[in-house]
Amino acid sequence: MITEKIICICGCSEYSEILKGYYNRRGISDYPFTLLRCKSCRLVRTFPIPEVNYESISRDTQAHLEDEKTWREISKGEIRRVKQYVKVGKLLDIGCNIGLMVKETEKRGFDAIGIDIDEKAVEIARRESCNVNIGVPESMNFLNNEFDVVLMNHVLEHILDVNCTLREVYRVLKPGGLLFLNVPNYAGLIARMMKERWLSLCPDEHVWQFEPNTLLPLLAYRFEIVNIRTSCLEPPSSPNLFRGWIKKLIIYFQLLINKCDELRIIAKKPHHGQKR
């Protein structure tokens, strides 16, 4: 039984326990966790509240280094998405890791800068002449109305003070500027089927388990929602041929009903006087 008083983003301190178990993915063994749903706004959070996990951050940096080609292709896909809405301008990548996105967006005409909390990743990016700095999204050393685009790719779920972060993103975006936000989708079909075995649950790292009906209201307080869709995170491969085909069918079905395990949202900062 949880006796510690936990305050939700909305100010409510009453929760329902929706999942309890042990996480055994990504090299993590028997990590105990509980998922709590706020009785007011319905937002799901992880207990115990994860602290900044520098070991995991280091693993993420190493993964980018070991499979740079794949991550570069992912970056190119994100840039194609951005270019559908913004052709050129000033771009900020929050949680940029070794700066692959920064480098690729610069090649395509953007004035790009990145921030990350991992000193090793920033050092590697700078060796490649990337404009990358140490920084945290809750308090960014940028001017008001500075950027046309802000990218946050699997960052927001790690941050305790979501409101502060979104306020900072709003501040640094120009009026009419766009936030491209990707987070794991706890409402996804595979997430619900796999429960504590869902790869992207990451209770040792993720403070929040976002769903469309809980994340969109947080964004809508300051931003206009331009586009929302889902995509697949859980890899379709399996050593067992039959299970592999079953998984592929599930992934196809969740694409069909837009219930994949990643939320991809584009939100716009309105022009002056419309929102705050």
C-alpha atoms as a PDB file:
ATOM      1  CA  MET A   1       0.000   0.000   0.000  1.00  0.00           C
ATOM      2  CA  ILE A   2       1.290   3.472  -0.964  1.00  0.00           C
ATOM      3  CA  THR A   3       1.188   5.855   1.986  1.00  0.00           C
ATOM      4  CA  GLU A   4       3.255   8.675   0.473  1.00  0.00           C
ATOM      5  CA  LYS A   5       1.186  11.702  -0.613  1.00  0.00           C
ATOM      6  CA  ILE A   6       1.712  12.308  -4.332  1.00  0.00           C
ATOM      7  CA  ILE A   7       0.383  15.428  -6.025  1.00  0.00           C
ATOM      8  CA  CYS A   8      -0.618  15.190  -9.685  1.00  0.00           C
ATOM      9  CA  ILE A   9       0.005  17.922 -12.261  1.00  0.00           C
ATOM     10  CA  CYS A  10      -3.640  18.928 -11.872  1.00  0.00           C
ATOM     11  CA  GLY A  11      -3.265  19.328  -8.085  1.00  0.00           C
ATOM     12  CA  CYS A  12      -5.225  16.199  -7.130  1.00  0.00           C
ATOM     13  CA  SER A  13      -3.714  13.756  -4.608  1.00  0.00           C
ATOM     14  CA  GLU A  14      -6.153  10.850  -5.094  1.00  0.00           C
ATOM     15  CA  TYR A  15      -5.094   7.903  -7.254  1.00  0.00           C
ATOM     16  CA  SER A  16      -6.247   4.475  -8.356  1.00  0.00           C
ATOM     17  CA  GLU A  17      -3.736   1.636  -8.654  1.00  0.00           C
ATOM     18  CA  ILE A  18      -4.007   0.259 -12.216  1.00  0.00           C
ATOM     19  CA  LEU A  19      -0.932  -1.957 -12.600  1.00  0.00           C
ATOM     20  CA  LYS A  20       1.616  -3.435 -10.242  1.00  0.00           C
ATOM     21  CA  GLY A  21       4.474  -5.714 -11.153  1.00  0.00           C
ATOM     22  CA  TYR A  22       8.131  -6.192 -12.050  1.00  0.00           C
ATOM     23  CA  TYR A  23       9.810  -4.873 -15.174  1.00  0.00           C
ATOM     24  CA  ASN A  24      12.239  -7.191 -17.003  1.00  0.00           C
ATOM     25  CA  ARG A  25      13.129  -5.528 -20.320  1.00  0.00           C
ATOM     26  CA  ARG A  26      16.096  -3.564 -21.739  1.00  0.00           C
ATOM     27  CA  GLY A  27      18.530  -5.394 -19.447  1.00  0.00           C
ATOM     28  CA  ILE A  28      16.543  -4.411 -16.326  1.00  0.00           C
ATOM     29  CA  SER A  29      15.773  -7.257 -13.889  1.00  0.00           C
ATOM     30  CA  ASP A  30      12.852  -7.435 -11.445  1.00  0.00           C
ATOM     31  CA  TYR A  31      12.333  -3.678 -11.136  1.00  0.00           C
ATOM     32  CA  PRO A  32       9.259  -3.226  -8.856  1.00  0.00           C
ATOM     33  CA  PHE A  33       6.758  -0.553  -9.870  1.00  0.00           C
ATOM     34  CA  THR A  34       3.159   0.579  -9.563  1.00  0.00           C
ATOM     35  CA  LEU A  35       1.169   2.638 -12.045  1.00  0.00           C
ATOM     36  CA  LEU A  36      -1.238   5.143 -10.499  1.00  0.00           C
ATOM     37  CA  ARG A  37      -4.084   6.903 -12.314  1.00  0.00           C
ATOM     38  CA  CYS A  38      -5.180  10.328 -11.059  1.00  0.00           C
ATOM     39  CA  LYS A  39      -8.870  10.274 -10.099  1.00  0.00           C
ATOM     40  CA  SER A  40      -9.306  13.811 -11.406  1.00  0.00           C
ATOM     41  CA  CYS A  41      -7.440  14.255 -14.725  1.00  0.00           C
ATOM     42  CA  ARG A  42      -6.824  10.494 -15.350  1.00  0.00           C
ATOM     43  CA  LEU A  43      -3.092  10.991 -15.983  1.00  0.00           C
ATOM     44  CA  VAL A  44      -1.036   7.852 -15.248  1.00  0.00           C
ATOM     45  CA  ARG A  45       2.238   8.126 -13.347  1.00  0.00           C
ATOM     46  CA  THR A  46       4.918   5.703 -12.198  1.00  0.00           C
ATOM     47  CA  PHE A  47       5.639   4.936  -8.545  1.00  0.00           C
ATOM     48  CA  PRO A  48       8.236   5.106  -7.130  1.00  0.00           C
ATOM     49  CA  ILE A  49       8.988   8.330  -8.995  1.00  0.00           C
ATOM     50  CA  PRO A  50      12.063   7.616 -11.158  1.00  0.00           C
ATOM     51  CA  GLU A  51      15.135   9.731 -10.598  1.00  0.00           C
ATOM     52  CA  VAL A  52      17.441  10.845 -13.402  1.00  0.00           C
ATOM     53  CA  ASN A  53      19.087   7.597 -14.487  1.00  0.00           C
ATOM     54  CA  TYR A  54      22.568   8.478 -15.764  1.00  0.00           C
ATOM     55  CA  GLU A  55      23.410   4.826 -16.397  1.00  0.00           C
ATOM     56  CA  SER A  56      20.447   4.557 -18.760  1.00  0.00           C
ATOM     57  CA  ILE A  57      21.342   7.889 -20.382  1.00  0.00           C
ATOM     58  CA  SER A  58      24.847   6.551 -20.994  1.00  0.00           C
ATOM     59  CA  ARG A  59      23.383   3.369 -22.556  1.00  0.00           C
ATOM     60  CA  ASP A  60      21.245   5.508 -24.861  1.00  0.00           C
ATOM     61  CA  THR A  61      24.292   7.480 -25.980  1.00  0.00           C
ATOM     62  CA  GLN A  62      26.181   4.228 -26.610  1.00  0.00           C
ATOM     63  CA  ALA A  63      23.240   2.884 -28.650  1.00  0.00           C
ATOM     64  CA  HIS A  64      23.363   5.988 -30.866  1.00  0.00           C
ATOM     65  CA  LEU A  65      27.103   5.491 -31.387  1.00  0.00           C
ATOM     66  CA  GLU A  66      26.852   1.768 -32.130  1.00  0.00           C
ATOM     67  CA  ASP A  67      23.970   2.088 -34.597  1.00  0.00           C
ATOM     68  CA  GLU A  68      24.477   5.592 -35.920  1.00  0.00           C
ATOM     69  CA  LYS A  69      23.190   4.664 -39.386  1.00  0.00           C
ATOM     70  CA  THR A  70      19.768   3.610 -38.048  1.00  0.00           C
ATOM     71  CA  TRP A  71      19.465   6.682 -35.828  1.00  0.00           C
ATOM     72  CA  ARG A  72      20.477   8.912 -38.731  1.00  0.00           C
ATOM     73  CA  GLU A  73      17.679   7.393 -40.843  1.00  0.00           C
ATOM     74  CA  ILE A  74      15.227   8.004 -37.999  1.00  0.00           C
ATOM     75  CA  SER A  75      16.435  11.616 -37.893  1.00  0.00           C
ATOM     76  CA  LYS A  76      15.900  11.983 -41.640  1.00  0.00           C
ATOM     77  CA  GLY A  77      12.343  10.697 -41.259  1.00  0.00           C
ATOM     78  CA  GLU A  78      11.644  13.279 -38.551  1.00  0.00           C
ATOM     79  CA  ILE A  79      13.098  16.033 -40.735  1.00  0.00           C
ATOM     80  CA  ARG A  80      10.843  15.050 -43.640  1.00  0.00           C
ATOM     81  CA  ARG A  81       7.914  15.386 -41.237  1.00  0.00           C
ATOM     82  CA  VAL A  82       9.090  18.839 -40.105  1.00  0.00           C
ATOM     83  CA  LYS A  83       9.650  20.011 -43.702  1.00  0.00           C
ATOM     84  CA  GLN A  84       5.999  19.312 -44.519  1.00  0.00           C
ATOM     85  CA  TYR A  85       5.144  22.227 -42.220  1.00  0.00           C
ATOM     86  CA  VAL A  86       8.276  24.409 -41.990  1.00  0.00           C
ATOM     87  CA  LYS A  87      10.737  24.712 -44.883  1.00  0.00           C
ATOM     88  CA  VAL A  88      13.507  26.634 -43.105  1.00  0.00           C
ATOM     89  CA  GLY A  89      14.010  28.514 -39.847  1.00  0.00           C
ATOM     90  CA  LYS A  90      15.529  28.219 -36.407  1.00  0.00           C
ATOM     91  CA  LEU A  91      15.145  24.797 -34.774  1.00  0.00           C
ATOM     92  CA  LEU A  92      15.744  23.509 -31.227  1.00  0.00           C
ATOM     93  CA  ASP A  93      16.150  19.783 -30.515  1.00  0.00           C
ATOM     94  CA  ILE A  94      15.531  19.103 -26.804  1.00  0.00           C
ATOM     95  CA  GLY A  95      17.216  15.854 -25.732  1.00  0.00           C
ATOM     96  CA  CYS A  96      19.403  15.812 -28.845  1.00  0.00           C
ATOM     97  CA  ASN A  97      21.857  13.126 -27.626  1.00  0.00           C
ATOM     98  CA  ILE A  98      24.909  13.094 -29.951  1.00  0.00           C
ATOM     99  CA  GLY A  99      23.348  15.694 -32.267  1.00  0.00           C
ATOM    100  CA  LEU A 100      22.382  13.594 -35.298  1.00  0.00           C
ATOM    101  CA  MET A 101      19.113  15.501 -35.747  1.00  0.00           C
ATOM    102  CA  VAL A 102      20.903  18.838 -35.360  1.00  0.00           C
ATOM    103  CA  LYS A 103      23.445  17.849 -38.017  1.00  0.00           C
ATOM    104  CA  GLU A 104      20.807  16.576 -40.458  1.00  0.00           C
ATOM    105  CA  THR A 105      18.545  19.630 -40.084  1.00  0.00           C
ATOM    106  CA  GLU A 106      21.510  21.938 -40.675  1.00  0.00           C
ATOM    107  CA  LYS A 107      22.157  20.118 -43.964  1.00  0.00           C
ATOM    108  CA  ARG A 108      18.583  20.928 -44.974  1.00  0.00           C
ATOM    109  CA  GLY A 109      18.821  24.644 -44.368  1.00  0.00           C
ATOM    110  CA  PHE A 110      17.786  25.019 -40.722  1.00  0.00           C
ATOM    111  CA  ASP A 111      19.671  27.055 -38.142  1.00  0.00           C
ATOM    112  CA  ALA A 112      19.703  24.207 -35.606  1.00  0.00           C
ATOM    113  CA  ILE A 113      20.765  23.908 -31.982  1.00  0.00           C
ATOM    114  CA  GLY A 114      20.386  21.062 -29.473  1.00  0.00           C
ATOM    115  CA  ILE A 115      20.457  20.607 -25.712  1.00  0.00           C
ATOM    116  CA  ASP A 116      21.006  17.455 -23.664  1.00  0.00           C
ATOM    117  CA  ILE A 117      21.806  16.576 -20.055  1.00  0.00           C
ATOM    118  CA  ASP A 118      24.430  13.964 -20.994  1.00  0.00           C
ATOM    119  CA  GLU A 119      27.894  15.566 -20.947  1.00  0.00           C
ATOM    120  CA  LYS A 120      29.417  12.685 -22.925  1.00  0.00           C
ATOM    121  CA  ALA A 121      26.813  12.999 -25.704  1.00  0.00           C
ATOM    122  CA  VAL A 122      27.324  16.768 -25.896  1.00  0.00           C
ATOM    123  CA  GLU A 123      31.098  16.334 -26.067  1.00  0.00           C
ATOM    124  CA  ILE A 124      30.738  13.841 -28.947  1.00  0.00           C
ATOM    125  CA  ALA A 125      28.351  16.178 -30.797  1.00  0.00           C
ATOM    126  CA  ARG A 126      30.732  19.115 -30.434  1.00  0.00           C
ATOM    127  CA  ARG A 127      33.601  17.060 -31.853  1.00  0.00           C
ATOM    128  CA  GLU A 128      31.440  16.751 -34.972  1.00  0.00           C
ATOM    129  CA  SER A 129      30.962  20.556 -35.008  1.00  0.00           C
ATOM    130  CA  CYS A 130      27.336  20.316 -33.864  1.00  0.00           C
ATOM    131  CA  ASN A 131      25.807  23.311 -32.124  1.00  0.00           C
ATOM    132  CA  VAL A 132      24.888  21.400 -28.962  1.00  0.00           C
ATOM    133  CA  ASN A 133      24.984  22.468 -25.301  1.00  0.00           C
ATOM    134  CA  ILE A 134      24.317  21.037 -21.851  1.00  0.00           C
ATOM    135  CA  GLY A 135      20.823  22.076 -20.794  1.00  0.00           C
ATOM    136  CA  VAL A 136      17.540  21.048 -19.196  1.00  0.00           C
ATOM    137  CA  PRO A 137      14.125  21.778 -20.732  1.00  0.00           C
ATOM    138  CA  GLU A 138      12.657  23.145 -17.481  1.00  0.00           C
ATOM    139  CA  SER A 139      14.994  26.153 -17.639  1.00  0.00           C
ATOM    140  CA  MET A 140      16.451  27.004 -21.039  1.00  0.00           C
ATOM    141  CA  ASN A 141      18.915  29.787 -21.706  1.00  0.00           C
ATOM    142  CA  PHE A 142      17.225  31.079 -24.851  1.00  0.00           C
ATOM    143  CA  LEU A 143      15.404  34.274 -25.798  1.00  0.00           C
ATOM    144  CA  ASN A 144      11.639  34.607 -25.897  1.00  0.00           C
ATOM    145  CA  ASN A 145      10.119  33.859 -29.322  1.00  0.00           C
ATOM    146  CA  GLU A 146      13.444  32.531 -30.679  1.00  0.00           C
ATOM    147  CA  PHE A 147      12.559  29.296 -32.508  1.00  0.00           C
ATOM    148  CA  ASP A 148      10.323  28.331 -35.440  1.00  0.00           C
ATOM    149  CA  VAL A 149      10.456  24.640 -34.450  1.00  0.00           C
ATOM    150  CA  VAL A 150      11.037  22.739 -31.196  1.00  0.00           C
ATOM    151  CA  LEU A 151      11.569  18.959 -31.275  1.00  0.00           C
ATOM    152  CA  MET A 152      11.021  16.718 -28.228  1.00  0.00           C
ATOM    153  CA  ASN A 153      11.527  13.084 -29.156  1.00  0.00           C
ATOM    154  CA  HIS A 154      10.826  10.830 -26.144  1.00  0.00           C
ATOM    155  CA  VAL A 155      11.779  13.428 -23.562  1.00  0.00           C
ATOM    156  CA  LEU A 156       8.586  14.657 -21.872  1.00  0.00           C
ATOM    157  CA  GLU A 157       7.797  11.312 -20.196  1.00  0.00           C
ATOM    158  CA  HIS A 158      11.100  11.583 -18.277  1.00  0.00           C
ATOM    159  CA  ILE A 159      10.361  15.018 -16.795  1.00  0.00           C
ATOM    160  CA  LEU A 160       8.666  15.494 -13.423  1.00  0.00           C
ATOM    161  CA  ASP A 161       7.634  19.121 -13.952  1.00  0.00           C
ATOM    162  CA  VAL A 162       5.732  18.854 -17.232  1.00  0.00           C
ATOM    163  CA  ASN A 163       3.957  22.203 -16.836  1.00  0.00           C
ATOM    164  CA  CYS A 164       7.234  24.052 -16.341  1.00  0.00           C
ATOM    165  CA  THR A 165       8.723  22.379 -19.422  1.00  0.00           C
ATOM    166  CA  LEU A 166       5.735  23.167 -21.640  1.00  0.00           C
ATOM    167  CA  ARG A 167       5.778  26.751 -20.374  1.00  0.00           C
ATOM    168  CA  GLU A 168       9.448  27.026 -21.387  1.00  0.00           C
ATOM    169  CA  VAL A 169       8.766  25.506 -24.814  1.00  0.00           C
ATOM    170  CA  TYR A 170       5.934  28.005 -25.293  1.00  0.00           C
ATOM    171  CA  ARG A 171       8.227  30.865 -24.259  1.00  0.00           C
ATOM    172  CA  VAL A 172      11.047  30.072 -26.704  1.00  0.00           C
ATOM    173  CA  LEU A 173       8.767  29.333 -29.674  1.00  0.00           C
ATOM    174  CA  LYS A 174       7.844  32.163 -32.016  1.00  0.00           C
ATOM    175  CA  PRO A 175       4.118  32.908 -32.406  1.00  0.00           C
ATOM    176  CA  GLY A 176       2.974  30.382 -35.005  1.00  0.00           C
ATOM    177  CA  GLY A 177       5.987  28.155 -34.210  1.00  0.00           C
ATOM    178  CA  LEU A 178       5.550  24.381 -33.988  1.00  0.00           C
ATOM    179  CA  LEU A 179       6.307  21.791 -31.313  1.00  0.00           C
ATOM    180  CA  PHE A 180       6.918  18.266 -32.653  1.00  0.00           C
ATOM    181  CA  LEU A 181       6.368  15.963 -29.675  1.00  0.00           C
ATOM    182  CA  ASN A 182       6.799  12.169 -29.577  1.00  0.00           C
ATOM    183  CA  VAL A 183       6.067  10.085 -26.451  1.00  0.00           C
ATOM    184  CA  PRO A 184       5.162   6.446 -25.717  1.00  0.00           C
ATOM    185  CA  ASN A 185       1.416   5.859 -25.886  1.00  0.00           C
ATOM    186  CA  TYR A 186       0.097   3.964 -22.880  1.00  0.00           C
ATOM    187  CA  ALA A 187      -3.293   3.717 -24.612  1.00  0.00           C
ATOM    188  CA  GLY A 188      -1.739   1.737 -27.473  1.00  0.00           C
ATOM    189  CA  LEU A 189      -2.919  -1.781 -28.217  1.00  0.00           C
ATOM    190  CA  ILE A 190       0.437  -3.500 -27.577  1.00  0.00           C
ATOM    191  CA  ALA A 191       0.988  -1.444 -24.416  1.00  0.00           C
ATOM    192  CA  ARG A 192      -2.314  -2.693 -22.996  1.00  0.00           C
ATOM    193  CA  MET A 193      -1.790  -6.280 -24.138  1.00  0.00           C
ATOM    194  CA  MET A 194       1.761  -6.623 -22.819  1.00  0.00           C
ATOM    195  CA  LYS A 195       1.219  -4.763 -19.521  1.00  0.00           C
ATOM    196  CA  GLU A 196       4.416  -4.962 -17.420  1.00  0.00           C
ATOM    197  CA  ARG A 197       6.198  -6.613 -20.386  1.00  0.00           C
ATOM    198  CA  TRP A 198       5.679  -3.578 -22.641  1.00  0.00           C
ATOM    199  CA  LEU A 199       9.153  -2.522 -23.783  1.00  0.00           C
ATOM    200  CA  SER A 200       8.418   1.223 -23.634  1.00  0.00           C
ATOM    201  CA  LEU A 201       6.938   1.154 -20.147  1.00  0.00           C
ATOM    202  CA  CYS A 202      10.410   1.891 -18.680  1.00  0.00           C
ATOM    203  CA  PRO A 203       9.246   2.449 -15.066  1.00  0.00           C
ATOM    204  CA  ASP A 204      12.858   2.989 -14.024  1.00  0.00           C
ATOM    205  CA  GLU A 205      12.945   6.109 -16.259  1.00  0.00           C
ATOM    206  CA  HIS A 206       9.454   7.279 -17.229  1.00  0.00           C
ATOM    207  CA  VAL A 207       7.657   9.471 -14.701  1.00  0.00           C
ATOM    208  CA  TRP A 208       4.497   9.592 -16.831  1.00  0.00           C
ATOM    209  CA  GLN A 209       2.590   7.113 -18.998  1.00  0.00           C
ATOM    210  CA  PHE A 210       0.812   9.440 -21.417  1.00  0.00           C
ATOM    211  CA  GLU A 211      -2.389   8.770 -23.356  1.00  0.00           C
ATOM    212  CA  PRO A 212      -4.109  11.042 -25.895  1.00  0.00           C
ATOM    213  CA  ASN A 213      -6.898  11.972 -23.473  1.00  0.00           C
ATOM    214  CA  THR A 214      -4.410  13.037 -20.772  1.00  0.00           C
ATOM    215  CA  LEU A 215      -1.624  14.651 -22.816  1.00  0.00           C
ATOM    216  CA  LEU A 216      -3.771  16.707 -25.188  1.00  0.00           C
ATOM    217  CA  PRO A 217      -5.416  18.776 -22.409  1.00  0.00           C
ATOM    218  CA  LEU A 218      -1.956  19.621 -21.016  1.00  0.00           C
ATOM    219  CA  LEU A 219      -0.899  20.878 -24.436  1.00  0.00           C
ATOM    220  CA  ALA A 220      -4.201  22.589 -25.263  1.00  0.00           C
ATOM    221  CA  TYR A 221      -3.815  24.958 -22.293  1.00  0.00           C
ATOM    222  CA  ARG A 222      -1.100  26.815 -24.253  1.00  0.00           C
ATOM    223  CA  PHE A 223      -0.989  25.360 -27.771  1.00  0.00           C
ATOM    224  CA  GLU A 224      -3.263  24.605 -30.701  1.00  0.00           C
ATOM    225  CA  ILE A 225      -3.179  20.941 -31.765  1.00  0.00           C
ATOM    226  CA  VAL A 226      -2.247  20.733 -35.447  1.00  0.00           C
ATOM    227  CA  ASN A 227      -1.948  16.969 -35.886  1.00  0.00           C
ATOM    228  CA  ILE A 228      -1.995  13.786 -33.817  1.00  0.00           C
ATOM    229  CA  ARG A 229      -1.316  10.223 -34.901  1.00  0.00           C
ATOM    230  CA  THR A 230       0.284   7.071 -33.562  1.00  0.00           C
ATOM    231  CA  SER A 231       3.149   4.910 -34.812  1.00  0.00           C
ATOM    232  CA  CYS A 232       4.856   1.676 -33.785  1.00  0.00           C
ATOM    233  CA  LEU A 233       7.702   1.401 -31.281  1.00  0.00           C
ATOM    234  CA  GLU A 234       7.588  -2.287 -30.353  1.00  0.00           C
ATOM    235  CA  PRO A 235       9.725  -4.158 -32.935  1.00  0.00           C
ATOM    236  CA  PRO A 236       7.774  -6.708 -35.007  1.00  0.00           C
ATOM    237  CA  SER A 237      10.562  -9.316 -35.124  1.00  0.00           C
ATOM    238  CA  SER A 238      10.475 -12.527 -33.095  1.00  0.00           C
ATOM    239  CA  PRO A 239      12.750 -15.619 -33.075  1.00  0.00           C
ATOM    240  CA  ASN A 240       9.584 -17.732 -33.305  1.00  0.00           C
ATOM    241  CA  LEU A 241       8.169 -17.527 -36.864  1.00  0.00           C
ATOM    242  CA  PHE A 242       4.527 -18.018 -35.815  1.00  0.00           C
ATOM    243  CA  ARG A 243       4.751 -15.470 -32.994  1.00  0.00           C
ATOM    244  CA  GLY A 244       6.511 -13.096 -35.379  1.00  0.00           C
ATOM    245  CA  TRP A 245       3.608 -13.227 -37.843  1.00  0.00           C
ATOM    246  CA  ILE A 246       1.070 -12.790 -35.048  1.00  0.00           C
ATOM    247  CA  LYS A 247       2.945  -9.725 -33.864  1.00  0.00           C
ATOM    248  CA  LYS A 248       3.042  -8.296 -37.388  1.00  0.00           C
ATOM    249  CA  LEU A 249      -0.726  -8.768 -37.687  1.00  0.00           C
ATOM    250  CA  ILE A 250      -1.249  -6.986 -34.353  1.00  0.00           C
ATOM    251  CA  ILE A 251       0.961  -4.112 -35.491  1.00  0.00           C
ATOM    252  CA  TYR A 252      -0.955  -3.866 -38.785  1.00  0.00           C
ATOM    253  CA  PHE A 253      -4.250  -3.836 -36.891  1.00  0.00           C
ATOM    254  CA  GLN A 254      -3.124  -1.148 -34.447  1.00  0.00           C
ATOM    255  CA  LEU A 255      -1.985   0.999 -37.387  1.00  0.00           C
ATOM    256  CA  LEU A 256      -5.412   0.491 -38.911  1.00  0.00           C
ATOM    257  CA  ILE A 257      -7.226   1.705 -35.777  1.00  0.00           C
ATOM    258  CA  ASN A 258      -4.553   4.316 -34.853  1.00  0.00           C
ATOM    259  CA  LYS A 259      -3.751   2.599 -31.529  1.00  0.00           C
ATOM    260  CA  CYS A 260       0.025   2.194 -31.843  1.00  0.00           C
ATOM    261  CA  ASP A 261       2.399   2.586 -28.929  1.00  0.00           C
ATOM    262  CA  GLU A 262       3.883   5.972 -29.858  1.00  0.00           C
ATOM    263  CA  LEU A 263       2.037   9.302 -29.828  1.00  0.00           C
ATOM    264  CA  ARG A 264       3.218  11.815 -32.424  1.00  0.00           C
ATOM    265  CA  ILE A 265       1.782  15.272 -31.880  1.00  0.00           C
ATOM    266  CA  ILE A 266       2.310  18.582 -33.659  1.00  0.00           C
ATOM    267  CA  ALA A 267       1.214  21.638 -31.663  1.00  0.00           C
ATOM    268  CA  LYS A 268       1.358  25.321 -32.577  1.00  0.00           C
ATOM    269  CA  LYS A 269       2.011  28.351 -30.419  1.00  0.00           C
ATOM    270  CA  PRO A 270      -0.894  30.696 -31.219  1.00  0.00           C
ATOM    271  CA  HIS A 271      -0.319  34.302 -32.173  1.00  0.00           C
ATOM    272  CA  HIS A 272      -0.219  36.921 -29.433  1.00  0.00           C
ATOM    273  CA  GLY A 273      -3.184  37.219 -27.127  1.00  0.00           C
ATOM    274  CA  GLN A 274      -4.836  33.905 -27.972  1.00  0.00           C
ATOM    275  CA  LYS A 275      -3.397  31.619 -25.250  1.00  0.00           C
ATOM    276  CA  ARG A 276      -0.768  31.749 -22.537  1.00  0.00           C
END
